[in-house]
Amino acid sequence: MKRVKADTLDRKQFYPKYLKLVNVILPKPLTTKEIEILSAFMELQGDAIEDNRFGTQARKLVRQKFGFKSYSNIDNYIKYFKNKGVLIPDDNKKLTINRRIFIPKDEQDVELTFKFKLTN
């Protein structure tokens, strides 16, 4: 088995690269723009954001980051994420990232290993 060693990534670099890796195994892959938008949501920090990562406050921040003029742009992306099974409602009806897409909670020196098996 051949191993590929990656560099250490900061928070801003991690999420887009991670989503690109995971994207290849998703039943309904994300587009490049969807990866950028979802990464922006995942990069957000703060207690209010952590409690409701896809709530109004988070949507406003992401909308401003990408220069979207209306809320419908972000709402459309949220709808795409739900349709693709990336976002699901939790027990409290808040949107959360599907457990199949593992996101580390403790960001101190997290090391992820990906293992792919290729067969004919």
C-alpha atoms as a PDB file:
ATOM      1  CA  MET A   1       0.000   0.000   0.000  1.00  0.00           C
ATOM      2  CA  LYS A   2       1.338   3.392  -0.945  1.00  0.00           C
ATOM      3  CA  ARG A   3       0.989   6.236   1.538  1.00  0.00           C
ATOM      4  CA  VAL A   4       0.719   9.881   0.601  1.00  0.00           C
ATOM      5  CA  LYS A   5       1.649  12.367   3.280  1.00  0.00           C
ATOM      6  CA  ALA A   6      -0.088  15.746   3.325  1.00  0.00           C
ATOM      7  CA  ASP A   7       1.005  19.028   4.804  1.00  0.00           C
ATOM      8  CA  THR A   8      -0.514  20.509   7.917  1.00  0.00           C
ATOM      9  CA  LEU A   9      -3.541  22.621   7.021  1.00  0.00           C
ATOM     10  CA  ASP A  10      -5.171  25.501   8.843  1.00  0.00           C
ATOM     11  CA  ARG A  11      -8.945  25.738   9.285  1.00  0.00           C
ATOM     12  CA  LYS A  12      -9.478  27.788   6.120  1.00  0.00           C
ATOM     13  CA  GLN A  13      -7.499  25.318   3.963  1.00  0.00           C
ATOM     14  CA  PHE A  14      -8.816  22.159   5.605  1.00  0.00           C
ATOM     15  CA  TYR A  15     -12.537  22.262   4.828  1.00  0.00           C
ATOM     16  CA  PRO A  16     -12.370  22.775   1.039  1.00  0.00           C
ATOM     17  CA  LYS A  17      -9.723  20.053   0.657  1.00  0.00           C
ATOM     18  CA  TYR A  18     -11.590  17.711   2.974  1.00  0.00           C
ATOM     19  CA  LEU A  19     -14.879  18.203   1.115  1.00  0.00           C
ATOM     20  CA  LYS A  20     -13.156  17.581  -2.234  1.00  0.00           C
ATOM     21  CA  LEU A  21     -11.888  14.248  -0.906  1.00  0.00           C
ATOM     22  CA  VAL A  22     -15.236  13.240   0.563  1.00  0.00           C
ATOM     23  CA  ASN A  23     -17.110  14.474  -2.507  1.00  0.00           C
ATOM     24  CA  VAL A  24     -15.929  11.548  -4.637  1.00  0.00           C
ATOM     25  CA  ILE A  25     -17.809   9.067  -2.452  1.00  0.00           C
ATOM     26  CA  LEU A  26     -21.035  11.043  -2.046  1.00  0.00           C
ATOM     27  CA  PRO A  27     -24.065   9.583  -3.864  1.00  0.00           C
ATOM     28  CA  LYS A  28     -24.877  13.070  -5.205  1.00  0.00           C
ATOM     29  CA  PRO A  29     -21.558  14.941  -5.522  1.00  0.00           C
ATOM     30  CA  LEU A  30     -21.286  18.634  -4.754  1.00  0.00           C
ATOM     31  CA  THR A  31     -20.336  21.200  -7.371  1.00  0.00           C
ATOM     32  CA  THR A  32     -17.203  23.311  -6.933  1.00  0.00           C
ATOM     33  CA  LYS A  33     -19.304  26.300  -5.837  1.00  0.00           C
ATOM     34  CA  GLU A  34     -21.290  24.166  -3.387  1.00  0.00           C
ATOM     35  CA  ILE A  35     -18.003  23.017  -1.835  1.00  0.00           C
ATOM     36  CA  GLU A  36     -16.926  26.658  -1.460  1.00  0.00           C
ATOM     37  CA  ILE A  37     -20.239  27.625   0.166  1.00  0.00           C
ATOM     38  CA  LEU A  38     -20.345  24.625   2.513  1.00  0.00           C
ATOM     39  CA  SER A  39     -16.701  25.232   3.476  1.00  0.00           C
ATOM     40  CA  ALA A  40     -17.566  28.816   4.391  1.00  0.00           C
ATOM     41  CA  PHE A  41     -20.306  27.581   6.724  1.00  0.00           C
ATOM     42  CA  MET A  42     -17.947  25.055   8.272  1.00  0.00           C
ATOM     43  CA  GLU A  43     -15.225  27.658   8.845  1.00  0.00           C
ATOM     44  CA  LEU A  44     -17.484  29.849  10.966  1.00  0.00           C
ATOM     45  CA  GLN A  45     -16.624  29.996  14.651  1.00  0.00           C
ATOM     46  CA  GLY A  46     -18.321  31.267  17.781  1.00  0.00           C
ATOM     47  CA  ASP A  47     -20.876  30.013  20.279  1.00  0.00           C
ATOM     48  CA  ALA A  48     -23.904  31.421  18.432  1.00  0.00           C
ATOM     49  CA  ILE A  49     -22.719  29.849  15.186  1.00  0.00           C
ATOM     50  CA  GLU A  50     -21.813  26.489  16.728  1.00  0.00           C
ATOM     51  CA  ASP A  51     -25.329  26.205  18.164  1.00  0.00           C
ATOM     52  CA  ASN A  52     -27.003  26.769  14.787  1.00  0.00           C
ATOM     53  CA  ARG A  53     -24.405  26.508  12.020  1.00  0.00           C
ATOM     54  CA  PHE A  54     -26.970  27.069   9.230  1.00  0.00           C
ATOM     55  CA  GLY A  55     -29.183  29.601  11.013  1.00  0.00           C
ATOM     56  CA  THR A  56     -29.913  33.201  10.092  1.00  0.00           C
ATOM     57  CA  GLN A  57     -26.734  34.663  11.565  1.00  0.00           C
ATOM     58  CA  ALA A  58     -24.494  32.130   9.797  1.00  0.00           C
ATOM     59  CA  ARG A  59     -26.329  32.596   6.496  1.00  0.00           C
ATOM     60  CA  LYS A  60     -25.844  36.348   6.728  1.00  0.00           C
ATOM     61  CA  LEU A  61     -22.081  35.960   7.256  1.00  0.00           C
ATOM     62  CA  VAL A  62     -21.698  33.571   4.317  1.00  0.00           C
ATOM     63  CA  ARG A  63     -23.900  35.751   2.114  1.00  0.00           C
ATOM     64  CA  GLN A  64     -21.672  38.739   2.868  1.00  0.00           C
ATOM     65  CA  LYS A  65     -18.498  36.735   2.254  1.00  0.00           C
ATOM     66  CA  PHE A  66     -19.619  35.807  -1.265  1.00  0.00           C
ATOM     67  CA  GLY A  67     -21.251  39.159  -2.013  1.00  0.00           C
ATOM     68  CA  PHE A  68     -24.722  37.735  -2.571  1.00  0.00           C
ATOM     69  CA  LYS A  69     -27.294  40.534  -2.751  1.00  0.00           C
ATOM     70  CA  SER A  70     -30.301  38.515  -1.607  1.00  0.00           C
ATOM     71  CA  TYR A  71     -30.986  35.768   0.878  1.00  0.00           C
ATOM     72  CA  SER A  72     -32.423  33.559  -1.853  1.00  0.00           C
ATOM     73  CA  ASN A  73     -28.915  32.713  -3.093  1.00  0.00           C
ATOM     74  CA  ILE A  74     -27.912  31.138   0.222  1.00  0.00           C
ATOM     75  CA  ASP A  75     -31.353  29.597   0.675  1.00  0.00           C
ATOM     76  CA  ASN A  76     -30.973  27.886  -2.704  1.00  0.00           C
ATOM     77  CA  TYR A  77     -27.623  26.408  -1.690  1.00  0.00           C
ATOM     78  CA  ILE A  78     -29.114  25.176   1.591  1.00  0.00           C
ATOM     79  CA  LYS A  79     -31.889  23.531  -0.453  1.00  0.00           C
ATOM     80  CA  TYR A  80     -29.280  21.876  -2.722  1.00  0.00           C
ATOM     81  CA  PHE A  81     -27.397  20.569   0.334  1.00  0.00           C
ATOM     82  CA  LYS A  82     -30.615  19.103   1.758  1.00  0.00           C
ATOM     83  CA  ASN A  83     -31.554  17.516  -1.577  1.00  0.00           C
ATOM     84  CA  LYS A  84     -28.109  15.921  -1.825  1.00  0.00           C
ATOM     85  CA  GLY A  85     -28.333  14.561   1.723  1.00  0.00           C
ATOM     86  CA  VAL A  86     -25.435  16.662   3.006  1.00  0.00           C
ATOM     87  CA  LEU A  87     -27.645  18.597   5.448  1.00  0.00           C
ATOM     88  CA  ILE A  88     -30.265  16.886   7.578  1.00  0.00           C
ATOM     89  CA  PRO A  89     -32.497  18.167  10.408  1.00  0.00           C
ATOM     90  CA  ASP A  90     -31.503  17.125  13.916  1.00  0.00           C
ATOM     91  CA  ASP A  91     -33.924  16.279  16.743  1.00  0.00           C
ATOM     92  CA  ASN A  92     -34.559  20.009  17.301  1.00  0.00           C
ATOM     93  CA  LYS A  93     -35.270  20.624  13.587  1.00  0.00           C
ATOM     94  CA  LYS A  94     -31.975  22.520  13.150  1.00  0.00           C
ATOM     95  CA  LEU A  95     -29.961  21.702  10.061  1.00  0.00           C
ATOM     96  CA  THR A  96     -26.767  19.795  10.677  1.00  0.00           C
ATOM     97  CA  ILE A  97     -24.159  18.112   8.514  1.00  0.00           C
ATOM     98  CA  ASN A  98     -24.906  14.466   7.822  1.00  0.00           C
ATOM     99  CA  ARG A  99     -22.912  12.103  10.073  1.00  0.00           C
ATOM    100  CA  ARG A 100     -21.554  10.308   6.995  1.00  0.00           C
ATOM    101  CA  ILE A 101     -19.448  13.400   6.391  1.00  0.00           C
ATOM    102  CA  PHE A 102     -17.293  13.270   9.492  1.00  0.00           C
ATOM    103  CA  ILE A 103     -16.274  16.680  10.788  1.00  0.00           C
ATOM    104  CA  PRO A 104     -13.801  16.723  13.677  1.00  0.00           C
ATOM    105  CA  LYS A 105     -15.090  18.631  16.713  1.00  0.00           C
ATOM    106  CA  ASP A 106     -11.733  19.040  18.455  1.00  0.00           C
ATOM    107  CA  GLU A 107      -9.547  20.887  16.010  1.00  0.00           C
ATOM    108  CA  GLN A 108      -6.325  20.555  17.978  1.00  0.00           C
ATOM    109  CA  ASP A 109      -3.926  18.368  15.977  1.00  0.00           C
ATOM    110  CA  VAL A 110      -6.576  16.201  14.317  1.00  0.00           C
ATOM    111  CA  GLU A 111      -5.190  13.608  11.946  1.00  0.00           C
ATOM    112  CA  LEU A 112      -7.504  11.941   9.440  1.00  0.00           C
ATOM    113  CA  THR A 113      -6.691   8.827   7.478  1.00  0.00           C
ATOM    114  CA  PHE A 114      -8.449   7.901   4.252  1.00  0.00           C
ATOM    115  CA  LYS A 115      -8.306   4.354   2.982  1.00  0.00           C
ATOM    116  CA  PHE A 116      -9.521   3.460  -0.501  1.00  0.00           C
ATOM    117  CA  LYS A 117      -9.724  -0.046  -1.875  1.00  0.00           C
ATOM    118  CA  LEU A 118      -9.696  -0.367  -5.663  1.00  0.00           C
ATOM    119  CA  THR A 119     -11.016  -3.520  -7.260  1.00  0.00           C
ATOM    120  CA  ASN A 120     -11.566  -4.584 -10.854  1.00  0.00           C
END
